[in-house]
Amino acid sequence: MGDAMTVTVLLPGVLRENAGGSARLDVEVGEEATLGAVLDVLEQRYPLLDRRLRDERRRLRRHVNFFVAGEECRRLDGPATRVTSGTEIHIIPSVAGG
């Protein structure tokens, strides 16, 4: 079994209420981790936050952008995007205009 590593998830104000008010969450995952694995750990800690990020089929919500080390994950491998120790994941909901 590999070593655990820590990635950081950064949340905007609108999502912090679902994460105990935290702007920054440190998440420990295994060394072969993906964005999906990070979200699975967050789901255990903050089920209400997970409902804002993924739908009932555990797919990333369309109106939420996930930036892994500065790259939008849908341009990478979506939930299968690899993360490494120290990776920062920015979660940014799309702002609806109108």
PDB file of N, CA and C in Angstrom:
ATOM      1  N   MET A   1       0.857  -1.188   0.000  1.00  0.00           N
ATOM      2  CA  MET A   1       0.000   0.000   0.000  1.00  0.00           C
ATOM      3  C   MET A   1       0.892   1.236   0.000  1.00  0.00           C
ATOM      4  N   GLY A   2       0.542   2.227  -0.842  1.00  0.00           N
ATOM      5  CA  GLY A   2       1.364   3.416  -0.966  1.00  0.00           C
ATOM      6  C   GLY A   2       1.155   4.382   0.182  1.00  0.00           C
ATOM      7  N   ASP A   3       1.941   5.409   0.165  1.00  0.00           N
ATOM      8  CA  ASP A   3       1.834   6.423   1.205  1.00  0.00           C
ATOM      9  C   ASP A   3       0.626   7.314   0.934  1.00  0.00           C
ATOM     10  N   ALA A   4       0.078   7.844   2.017  1.00  0.00           N
ATOM     11  CA  ALA A   4      -0.981   8.828   1.870  1.00  0.00           C
ATOM     12  C   ALA A   4      -0.339  10.161   1.511  1.00  0.00           C
ATOM     13  N   MET A   5      -1.075  10.965   0.803  1.00  0.00           N
ATOM     14  CA  MET A   5      -0.604  12.314   0.494  1.00  0.00           C
ATOM     15  C   MET A   5      -1.753  13.274   0.713  1.00  0.00           C
ATOM     16  N   THR A   6      -1.412  14.545   0.777  1.00  0.00           N
ATOM     17  CA  THR A   6      -2.417  15.559   1.054  1.00  0.00           C
ATOM     18  C   THR A   6      -2.579  16.472  -0.145  1.00  0.00           C
ATOM     19  N   VAL A   7      -3.847  16.697  -0.521  1.00  0.00           N
ATOM     20  CA  VAL A   7      -4.167  17.708  -1.521  1.00  0.00           C
ATOM     21  C   VAL A   7      -5.054  18.739  -0.835  1.00  0.00           C
ATOM     22  N   THR A   8      -5.112  19.923  -1.397  1.00  0.00           N
ATOM     23  CA  THR A   8      -5.887  21.005  -0.806  1.00  0.00           C
ATOM     24  C   THR A   8      -7.046  21.362  -1.714  1.00  0.00           C
ATOM     25  N   VAL A   9      -8.238  21.440  -1.137  1.00  0.00           N
ATOM     26  CA  VAL A   9      -9.428  21.847  -1.872  1.00  0.00           C
ATOM     27  C   VAL A   9      -9.792  23.248  -1.400  1.00  0.00           C
ATOM     28  N   LEU A  10      -9.908  24.167  -2.352  1.00  0.00           N
ATOM     29  CA  LEU A  10     -10.242  25.558  -2.041  1.00  0.00           C
ATOM     30  C   LEU A  10     -11.685  25.830  -2.454  1.00  0.00           C
ATOM     31  N   LEU A  11     -12.469  26.329  -1.501  1.00  0.00           N
ATOM     32  CA  LEU A  11     -13.898  26.545  -1.734  1.00  0.00           C
ATOM     33  C   LEU A  11     -14.245  28.023  -1.749  1.00  0.00           C
ATOM     34  N   PRO A  12     -15.142  28.444  -2.650  1.00  0.00           N
ATOM     35  CA  PRO A  12     -15.637  29.816  -2.635  1.00  0.00           C
ATOM     36  C   PRO A  12     -16.657  29.986  -1.511  1.00  0.00           C
ATOM     37  N   GLY A  13     -16.950  31.212  -1.171  1.00  0.00           N
ATOM     38  CA  GLY A  13     -17.868  31.510  -0.076  1.00  0.00           C
ATOM     39  C   GLY A  13     -19.194  30.784  -0.167  1.00  0.00           C
ATOM     40  N   VAL A  14     -19.741  30.664  -1.369  1.00  0.00           N
ATOM     41  CA  VAL A  14     -21.064  30.079  -1.544  1.00  0.00           C
ATOM     42  C   VAL A  14     -21.111  28.604  -1.139  1.00  0.00           C
ATOM     43  N   LEU A  15     -19.973  27.914  -1.152  1.00  0.00           N
ATOM     44  CA  LEU A  15     -19.949  26.498  -0.775  1.00  0.00           C
ATOM     45  C   LEU A  15     -19.459  26.255   0.652  1.00  0.00           C
ATOM     46  N   ARG A  16     -18.905  27.266   1.282  1.00  0.00           N
ATOM     47  CA  ARG A  16     -18.287  27.049   2.599  1.00  0.00           C
ATOM     48  C   ARG A  16     -19.275  26.623   3.667  1.00  0.00           C
ATOM     49  N   GLU A  17     -20.521  27.101   3.557  1.00  0.00           N
ATOM     50  CA  GLU A  17     -21.523  26.728   4.570  1.00  0.00           C
ATOM     51  C   GLU A  17     -21.749  25.221   4.588  1.00  0.00           C
ATOM     52  N   ASN A  18     -21.472  24.533   3.471  1.00  0.00           N
ATOM     53  CA  ASN A  18     -21.637  23.079   3.401  1.00  0.00           C
ATOM     54  C   ASN A  18     -20.387  22.340   3.859  1.00  0.00           C
ATOM     55  N   ALA A  19     -19.359  23.083   4.257  1.00  0.00           N
ATOM     56  CA  ALA A  19     -18.095  22.469   4.679  1.00  0.00           C
ATOM     57  C   ALA A  19     -17.661  23.029   6.028  1.00  0.00           C
ATOM     58  N   GLY A  20     -18.625  23.285   6.883  1.00  0.00           N
ATOM     59  CA  GLY A  20     -18.311  23.772   8.215  1.00  0.00           C
ATOM     60  C   GLY A  20     -17.678  25.151   8.214  1.00  0.00           C
ATOM     61  N   GLY A  21     -17.908  25.934   7.150  1.00  0.00           N
ATOM     62  CA  GLY A  21     -17.382  27.285   7.071  1.00  0.00           C
ATOM     63  C   GLY A  21     -15.959  27.379   6.558  1.00  0.00           C
ATOM     64  N   SER A  22     -15.354  26.253   6.219  1.00  0.00           N
ATOM     65  CA  SER A  22     -13.950  26.257   5.791  1.00  0.00           C
ATOM     66  C   SER A  22     -13.778  26.724   4.359  1.00  0.00           C
ATOM     67  N   ALA A  23     -12.744  27.519   4.131  1.00  0.00           N
ATOM     68  CA  ALA A  23     -12.381  27.954   2.782  1.00  0.00           C
ATOM     69  C   ALA A  23     -11.377  26.991   2.169  1.00  0.00           C
ATOM     70  N   ARG A  24     -10.695  26.249   3.030  1.00  0.00           N
ATOM     71  CA  ARG A  24      -9.585  25.403   2.593  1.00  0.00           C
ATOM     72  C   ARG A  24      -9.693  24.071   3.329  1.00  0.00           C
ATOM     73  N   LEU A  25      -9.743  22.989   2.564  1.00  0.00           N
ATOM     74  CA  LEU A  25      -9.849  21.663   3.157  1.00  0.00           C
ATOM     75  C   LEU A  25      -8.639  20.846   2.730  1.00  0.00           C
ATOM     76  N   ASP A  26      -7.922  20.307   3.710  1.00  0.00           N
ATOM     77  CA  ASP A  26      -6.815  19.411   3.390  1.00  0.00           C
ATOM     78  C   ASP A  26      -7.377  17.989   3.392  1.00  0.00           C
ATOM     79  N   VAL A  27      -7.123  17.264   2.312  1.00  0.00           N
ATOM     80  CA  VAL A  27      -7.700  15.936   2.132  1.00  0.00           C
ATOM     81  C   VAL A  27      -6.569  14.940   1.938  1.00  0.00           C
ATOM     82  N   GLU A  28      -6.581  13.877   2.742  1.00  0.00           N
ATOM     83  CA  GLU A  28      -5.575  12.820   2.588  1.00  0.00           C
ATOM     84  C   GLU A  28      -6.132  11.739   1.688  1.00  0.00           C
ATOM     85  N   VAL A  29      -5.340  11.383   0.676  1.00  0.00           N
ATOM     86  CA  VAL A  29      -5.729  10.345  -0.274  1.00  0.00           C
ATOM     87  C   VAL A  29      -4.518   9.458  -0.537  1.00  0.00           C
ATOM     88  N   GLY A  30      -4.748   8.340  -1.187  1.00  0.00           N
ATOM     89  CA  GLY A  30      -3.651   7.453  -1.548  1.00  0.00           C
ATOM     90  C   GLY A  30      -2.827   8.040  -2.677  1.00  0.00           C
ATOM     91  N   GLU A  31      -1.660   7.450  -2.934  1.00  0.00           N
ATOM     92  CA  GLU A  31      -0.755   8.046  -3.908  1.00  0.00           C
ATOM     93  C   GLU A  31      -1.217   7.911  -5.351  1.00  0.00           C
ATOM     94  N   GLU A  32      -2.166   7.028  -5.639  1.00  0.00           N
ATOM     95  CA  GLU A  32      -2.699   6.906  -7.001  1.00  0.00           C
ATOM     96  C   GLU A  32      -4.020   7.659  -7.114  1.00  0.00           C
ATOM     97  N   ALA A  33      -4.135   8.760  -6.441  1.00  0.00           N
ATOM     98  CA  ALA A  33      -5.430   9.419  -6.293  1.00  0.00           C
ATOM     99  C   ALA A  33      -5.864  10.176  -7.543  1.00  0.00           C
ATOM    100  N   THR A  34      -7.179  10.351  -7.623  1.00  0.00           N
ATOM    101  CA  THR A  34      -7.815  11.123  -8.685  1.00  0.00           C
ATOM    102  C   THR A  34      -8.724  12.171  -8.047  1.00  0.00           C
ATOM    103  N   LEU A  35      -9.209  13.089  -8.876  1.00  0.00           N
ATOM    104  CA  LEU A  35     -10.184  14.066  -8.404  1.00  0.00           C
ATOM    105  C   LEU A  35     -11.388  13.351  -7.788  1.00  0.00           C
ATOM    106  N   GLY A  36     -11.857  12.287  -8.435  1.00  0.00           N
ATOM    107  CA  GLY A  36     -12.996  11.538  -7.900  1.00  0.00           C
ATOM    108  C   GLY A  36     -12.726  10.983  -6.515  1.00  0.00           C
ATOM    109  N   ALA A  37     -11.506  10.488  -6.283  1.00  0.00           N
ATOM    110  CA  ALA A  37     -11.142   9.953  -4.965  1.00  0.00           C
ATOM    111  C   ALA A  37     -11.161  11.053  -3.913  1.00  0.00           C
ATOM    112  N   VAL A  38     -10.695  12.238  -4.285  1.00  0.00           N
ATOM    113  CA  VAL A  38     -10.731  13.382  -3.358  1.00  0.00           C
ATOM    114  C   VAL A  38     -12.179  13.706  -3.014  1.00  0.00           C
ATOM    115  N   LEU A  39     -13.053  13.719  -4.024  1.00  0.00           N
ATOM    116  CA  LEU A  39     -14.466  14.021  -3.778  1.00  0.00           C
ATOM    117  C   LEU A  39     -15.117  12.938  -2.916  1.00  0.00           C
ATOM    118  N   ASP A  40     -14.677  11.677  -3.063  1.00  0.00           N
ATOM    119  CA  ASP A  40     -15.208  10.603  -2.209  1.00  0.00           C
ATOM    120  C   ASP A  40     -14.871  10.850  -0.747  1.00  0.00           C
ATOM    121  N   VAL A  41     -13.640  11.314  -0.479  1.00  0.00           N
ATOM    122  CA  VAL A  41     -13.245  11.627   0.901  1.00  0.00           C
ATOM    123  C   VAL A  41     -14.082  12.794   1.427  1.00  0.00           C
ATOM    124  N   LEU A  42     -14.265  13.818   0.594  1.00  0.00           N
ATOM    125  CA  LEU A  42     -15.082  14.959   1.022  1.00  0.00           C
ATOM    126  C   LEU A  42     -16.522  14.530   1.288  1.00  0.00           C
ATOM    127  N   GLU A  43     -17.031  13.603   0.494  1.00  0.00           N
ATOM    128  CA  GLU A  43     -18.408  13.131   0.679  1.00  0.00           C
ATOM    129  C   GLU A  43     -18.586  12.533   2.067  1.00  0.00           C
ATOM    130  N   GLN A  44     -17.582  11.793   2.540  1.00  0.00           N
ATOM    131  CA  GLN A  44     -17.653  11.196   3.875  1.00  0.00           C
ATOM    132  C   GLN A  44     -17.723  12.272   4.959  1.00  0.00           C
ATOM    133  N   ARG A  45     -16.943  13.333   4.771  1.00  0.00           N
ATOM    134  CA  ARG A  45     -16.882  14.401   5.772  1.00  0.00           C
ATOM    135  C   ARG A  45     -18.043  15.373   5.671  1.00  0.00           C
ATOM    136  N   TYR A  46     -18.418  15.694   4.440  1.00  0.00           N
ATOM    137  CA  TYR A  46     -19.396  16.763   4.191  1.00  0.00           C
ATOM    138  C   TYR A  46     -20.416  16.323   3.137  1.00  0.00           C
ATOM    139  N   PRO A  47     -21.362  15.447   3.506  1.00  0.00           N
ATOM    140  CA  PRO A  47     -22.325  14.960   2.512  1.00  0.00           C
ATOM    141  C   PRO A  47     -23.108  16.081   1.835  1.00  0.00           C
ATOM    142  N   LEU A  48     -23.408  17.157   2.554  1.00  0.00           N
ATOM    143  CA  LEU A  48     -24.152  18.263   1.928  1.00  0.00           C
ATOM    144  C   LEU A  48     -23.312  18.951   0.859  1.00  0.00           C
ATOM    145  N   LEU A  49     -22.013  19.059   1.094  1.00  0.00           N
ATOM    146  CA  LEU A  49     -21.124  19.639   0.091  1.00  0.00           C
ATOM    147  C   LEU A  49     -21.113  18.757  -1.155  1.00  0.00           C
ATOM    148  N   ASP A  50     -21.035  17.446  -0.960  1.00  0.00           N
ATOM    149  CA  ASP A  50     -20.992  16.532  -2.106  1.00  0.00           C
ATOM    150  C   ASP A  50     -22.220  16.689  -2.982  1.00  0.00           C
ATOM    151  N   ARG A  51     -23.386  16.911  -2.377  1.00  0.00           N
ATOM    152  CA  ARG A  51     -24.610  17.080  -3.164  1.00  0.00           C
ATOM    153  C   ARG A  51     -24.559  18.331  -4.030  1.00  0.00           C
ATOM    154  N   ARG A  52     -23.786  19.308  -3.609  1.00  0.00           N
ATOM    155  CA  ARG A  52     -23.616  20.521  -4.424  1.00  0.00           C
ATOM    156  C   ARG A  52     -22.621  20.297  -5.573  1.00  0.00           C
ATOM    157  N   LEU A  53     -21.742  19.296  -5.426  1.00  0.00           N
ATOM    158  CA  LEU A  53     -20.670  19.067  -6.399  1.00  0.00           C
ATOM    159  C   LEU A  53     -20.974  17.960  -7.398  1.00  0.00           C
ATOM    160  N   ARG A  54     -21.709  16.934  -6.944  1.00  0.00           N
ATOM    161  CA  ARG A  54     -22.001  15.787  -7.811  1.00  0.00           C
ATOM    162  C   ARG A  54     -23.483  15.457  -7.760  1.00  0.00           C
ATOM    163  N   ASP A  55     -23.986  14.884  -8.856  1.00  0.00           N
ATOM    164  CA  ASP A  55     -25.397  14.517  -8.900  1.00  0.00           C
ATOM    165  C   ASP A  55     -25.606  13.136  -8.271  1.00  0.00           C
ATOM    166  N   GLU A  56     -26.849  12.651  -8.342  1.00  0.00           N
ATOM    167  CA  GLU A  56     -27.169  11.379  -7.689  1.00  0.00           C
ATOM    168  C   GLU A  56     -26.439  10.198  -8.331  1.00  0.00           C
ATOM    169  N   ARG A  57     -25.931  10.369  -9.543  1.00  0.00           N
ATOM    170  CA  ARG A  57     -25.129   9.316 -10.180  1.00  0.00           C
ATOM    171  C   ARG A  57     -23.638   9.537  -9.949  1.00  0.00           C
ATOM    172  N   ARG A  58     -23.323  10.476  -9.073  1.00  0.00           N
ATOM    173  CA  ARG A  58     -21.934  10.787  -8.697  1.00  0.00           C
ATOM    174  C   ARG A  58     -21.132  11.393  -9.850  1.00  0.00           C
ATOM    175  N   ARG A  59     -21.835  11.995 -10.788  1.00  0.00           N
ATOM    176  CA  ARG A  59     -21.153  12.712 -11.869  1.00  0.00           C
ATOM    177  C   ARG A  59     -20.975  14.164 -11.450  1.00  0.00           C
ATOM    178  N   LEU A  60     -19.909  14.785 -11.940  1.00  0.00           N
ATOM    179  CA  LEU A  60     -19.674  16.192 -11.632  1.00  0.00           C
ATOM    180  C   LEU A  60     -20.844  17.020 -12.140  1.00  0.00           C
ATOM    181  N   ARG A  61     -21.311  17.924 -11.313  1.00  0.00           N
ATOM    182  CA  ARG A  61     -22.418  18.783 -11.753  1.00  0.00           C
ATOM    183  C   ARG A  61     -21.927  19.716 -12.860  1.00  0.00           C
ATOM    184  N   ARG A  62     -22.800  19.914 -13.844  1.00  0.00           N
ATOM    185  CA  ARG A  62     -22.437  20.717 -15.019  1.00  0.00           C
ATOM    186  C   ARG A  62     -22.086  22.156 -14.663  1.00  0.00           C
ATOM    187  N   HIS A  63     -22.735  22.678 -13.649  1.00  0.00           N
ATOM    188  CA  HIS A  63     -22.564  24.101 -13.335  1.00  0.00           C
ATOM    189  C   HIS A  63     -21.503  24.358 -12.280  1.00  0.00           C
ATOM    190  N   VAL A  64     -20.649  23.367 -12.058  1.00  0.00           N
ATOM    191  CA  VAL A  64     -19.541  23.532 -11.114  1.00  0.00           C
ATOM    192  C   VAL A  64     -18.247  23.221 -11.866  1.00  0.00           C
ATOM    193  N   ASN A  65     -17.278  24.119 -11.757  1.00  0.00           N
ATOM    194  CA  ASN A  65     -15.985  23.919 -12.411  1.00  0.00           C
ATOM    195  C   ASN A  65     -14.962  23.465 -11.376  1.00  0.00           C
ATOM    196  N   PHE A  66     -14.183  22.469 -11.758  1.00  0.00           N
ATOM    197  CA  PHE A  66     -13.154  21.902 -10.888  1.00  0.00           C
ATOM    198  C   PHE A  66     -11.805  22.142 -11.554  1.00  0.00           C
ATOM    199  N   PHE A  67     -10.986  22.981 -10.947  1.00  0.00           N
ATOM    200  CA  PHE A  67      -9.658  23.275 -11.491  1.00  0.00           C
ATOM    201  C   PHE A  67      -8.626  22.487 -10.692  1.00  0.00           C
ATOM    202  N   VAL A  68      -7.907  21.607 -11.376  1.00  0.00           N
ATOM    203  CA  VAL A  68      -6.875  20.790 -10.748  1.00  0.00           C
ATOM    204  C   VAL A  68      -5.535  21.370 -11.168  1.00  0.00           C
ATOM    205  N   ALA A  69      -4.810  21.942 -10.203  1.00  0.00           N
ATOM    206  CA  ALA A  69      -3.526  22.597 -10.492  1.00  0.00           C
ATOM    207  C   ALA A  69      -3.683  23.615 -11.625  1.00  0.00           C
ATOM    208  N   GLY A  70      -4.792  24.358 -11.580  1.00  0.00           N
ATOM    209  CA  GLY A  70      -5.002  25.443 -12.540  1.00  0.00           C
ATOM    210  C   GLY A  70      -5.650  25.042 -13.848  1.00  0.00           C
ATOM    211  N   GLU A  71      -5.880  23.748 -14.081  1.00  0.00           N
ATOM    212  CA  GLU A  71      -6.505  23.286 -15.331  1.00  0.00           C
ATOM    213  C   GLU A  71      -7.925  22.815 -15.051  1.00  0.00           C
ATOM    214  N   GLU A  72      -8.873  23.247 -15.871  1.00  0.00           N
ATOM    215  CA  GLU A  72     -10.251  22.795 -15.719  1.00  0.00           C
ATOM    216  C   GLU A  72     -10.290  21.293 -15.979  1.00  0.00           C
ATOM    217  N   CYS A  73     -10.844  20.520 -15.051  1.00  0.00           N
ATOM    218  CA  CYS A  73     -10.718  19.059 -15.124  1.00  0.00           C
ATOM    219  C   CYS A  73     -11.392  18.461 -16.343  1.00  0.00           C
ATOM    220  N   ARG A  74     -12.400  19.133 -16.886  1.00  0.00           N
ATOM    221  CA  ARG A  74     -13.066  18.555 -18.060  1.00  0.00           C
ATOM    222  C   ARG A  74     -12.157  18.593 -19.286  1.00  0.00           C
ATOM    223  N   ARG A  75     -11.130  19.441 -19.249  1.00  0.00           N
ATOM    224  CA  ARG A  75     -10.144  19.451 -20.334  1.00  0.00           C
ATOM    225  C   ARG A  75      -9.077  18.386 -20.096  1.00  0.00           C
ATOM    226  N   LEU A  76      -9.084  17.815 -18.901  1.00  0.00           N
ATOM    227  CA  LEU A  76      -8.136  16.758 -18.541  1.00  0.00           C
ATOM    228  C   LEU A  76      -8.903  15.435 -18.601  1.00  0.00           C
ATOM    229  N   ASP A  77      -8.995  14.726 -17.496  1.00  0.00           N
ATOM    230  CA  ASP A  77      -9.702  13.442 -17.485  1.00  0.00           C
ATOM    231  C   ASP A  77     -10.933  13.460 -16.588  1.00  0.00           C
ATOM    232  N   GLY A  78     -11.533  14.637 -16.380  1.00  0.00           N
ATOM    233  CA  GLY A  78     -12.719  14.702 -15.532  1.00  0.00           C
ATOM    234  C   GLY A  78     -12.422  14.151 -14.150  1.00  0.00           C
ATOM    235  N   PRO A  79     -13.339  13.330 -13.586  1.00  0.00           N
ATOM    236  CA  PRO A  79     -13.120  12.788 -12.251  1.00  0.00           C
ATOM    237  C   PRO A  79     -11.900  11.873 -12.175  1.00  0.00           C
ATOM    238  N   ALA A  80     -11.436  11.373 -13.318  1.00  0.00           N
ATOM    239  CA  ALA A  80     -10.262  10.490 -13.338  1.00  0.00           C
ATOM    240  C   ALA A  80      -8.949  11.271 -13.392  1.00  0.00           C
ATOM    241  N   THR A  81      -9.035  12.613 -13.382  1.00  0.00           N
ATOM    242  CA  THR A  81      -7.827  13.434 -13.397  1.00  0.00           C
ATOM    243  C   THR A  81      -6.968  13.097 -12.180  1.00  0.00           C
ATOM    244  N   ARG A  82      -5.701  12.797 -12.417  1.00  0.00           N
ATOM    245  CA  ARG A  82      -4.772  12.447 -11.338  1.00  0.00           C
ATOM    246  C   ARG A  82      -4.426  13.668 -10.502  1.00  0.00           C
ATOM    247  N   VAL A  83      -4.242  13.432  -9.228  1.00  0.00           N
ATOM    248  CA  VAL A  83      -3.737  14.475  -8.337  1.00  0.00           C
ATOM    249  C   VAL A  83      -2.477  13.946  -7.669  1.00  0.00           C
ATOM    250  N   THR A  84      -1.577  14.862  -7.354  1.00  0.00           N
ATOM    251  CA  THR A  84      -0.345  14.484  -6.664  1.00  0.00           C
ATOM    252  C   THR A  84      -0.258  15.270  -5.373  1.00  0.00           C
ATOM    253  N   SER A  85       0.665  14.887  -4.523  1.00  0.00           N
ATOM    254  CA  SER A  85       0.808  15.541  -3.232  1.00  0.00           C
ATOM    255  C   SER A  85       0.997  17.041  -3.424  1.00  0.00           C
ATOM    256  N   GLY A  86       0.232  17.822  -2.684  1.00  0.00           N
ATOM    257  CA  GLY A  86       0.346  19.266  -2.774  1.00  0.00           C
ATOM    258  C   GLY A  86      -0.533  19.899  -3.837  1.00  0.00           C
ATOM    259  N   THR A  87      -1.230  19.085  -4.641  1.00  0.00           N
ATOM    260  CA  THR A  87      -2.124  19.632  -5.666  1.00  0.00           C
ATOM    261  C   THR A  87      -3.196  20.500  -5.014  1.00  0.00           C
ATOM    262  N   GLU A  88      -3.502  21.622  -5.649  1.00  0.00           N
ATOM    263  CA  GLU A  88      -4.626  22.452  -5.218  1.00  0.00           C
ATOM    264  C   GLU A  88      -5.778  22.263  -6.189  1.00  0.00           C
ATOM    265  N   ILE A  89      -6.944  22.028  -5.622  1.00  0.00           N
ATOM    266  CA  ILE A  89      -8.165  21.889  -6.409  1.00  0.00           C
ATOM    267  C   ILE A  89      -9.066  23.064  -6.052  1.00  0.00           C
ATOM    268  N   HIS A  90      -9.353  23.899  -7.044  1.00  0.00           N
ATOM    269  CA  HIS A  90     -10.262  25.037  -6.849  1.00  0.00           C
ATOM    270  C   HIS A  90     -11.630  24.617  -7.362  1.00  0.00           C
ATOM    271  N   ILE A  91     -12.645  24.799  -6.550  1.00  0.00           N
ATOM    272  CA  ILE A  91     -14.015  24.475  -6.960  1.00  0.00           C
ATOM    273  C   ILE A  91     -14.763  25.789  -7.119  1.00  0.00           C
ATOM    274  N   ILE A  92     -15.243  26.023  -8.344  1.00  0.00           N
ATOM    275  CA  ILE A  92     -15.873  27.306  -8.652  1.00  0.00           C
ATOM    276  C   ILE A  92     -17.201  27.071  -9.349  1.00  0.00           C
ATOM    277  N   PRO A  93     -18.323  27.344  -8.671  1.00  0.00           N
ATOM    278  CA  PRO A  93     -19.613  27.210  -9.342  1.00  0.00           C
ATOM    279  C   PRO A  93     -19.744  28.274 -10.424  1.00  0.00           C
ATOM    280  N   SER A  94     -20.361  27.896 -11.539  1.00  0.00           N
ATOM    281  CA  SER A  94     -20.636  28.871 -12.583  1.00  0.00           C
ATOM    282  C   SER A  94     -21.651  29.861 -12.051  1.00  0.00           C
ATOM    283  N   VAL A  95     -21.492  31.106 -12.412  1.00  0.00           N
ATOM    284  CA  VAL A  95     -22.446  32.123 -11.988  1.00  0.00           C
ATOM    285  C   VAL A  95     -23.438  32.308 -13.128  1.00  0.00           C
ATOM    286  N   ALA A  96     -24.699  32.081 -12.822  1.00  0.00           N
ATOM    287  CA  ALA A  96     -25.715  32.241 -13.861  1.00  0.00           C
ATOM    288  C   ALA A  96     -25.970  33.722 -14.092  1.00  0.00           C
ATOM    289  N   GLY A  97     -26.002  34.106 -15.348  1.00  0.00           N
ATOM    290  CA  GLY A  97     -26.295  35.506 -15.676  1.00  0.00           C
ATOM    291  C   GLY A  97     -27.791  35.690 -15.821  1.00  0.00           C
ATOM    292  N   GLY A  98     -28.200  36.957 -16.011  1.00  0.00           N
ATOM    293  CA  GLY A  98     -29.617  37.124 -16.293  1.00  0.00           C
ATOM    294  C   GLY A  98     -30.250  38.247 -15.609  1.00  0.00           C
TER     295      GLY A  98
END
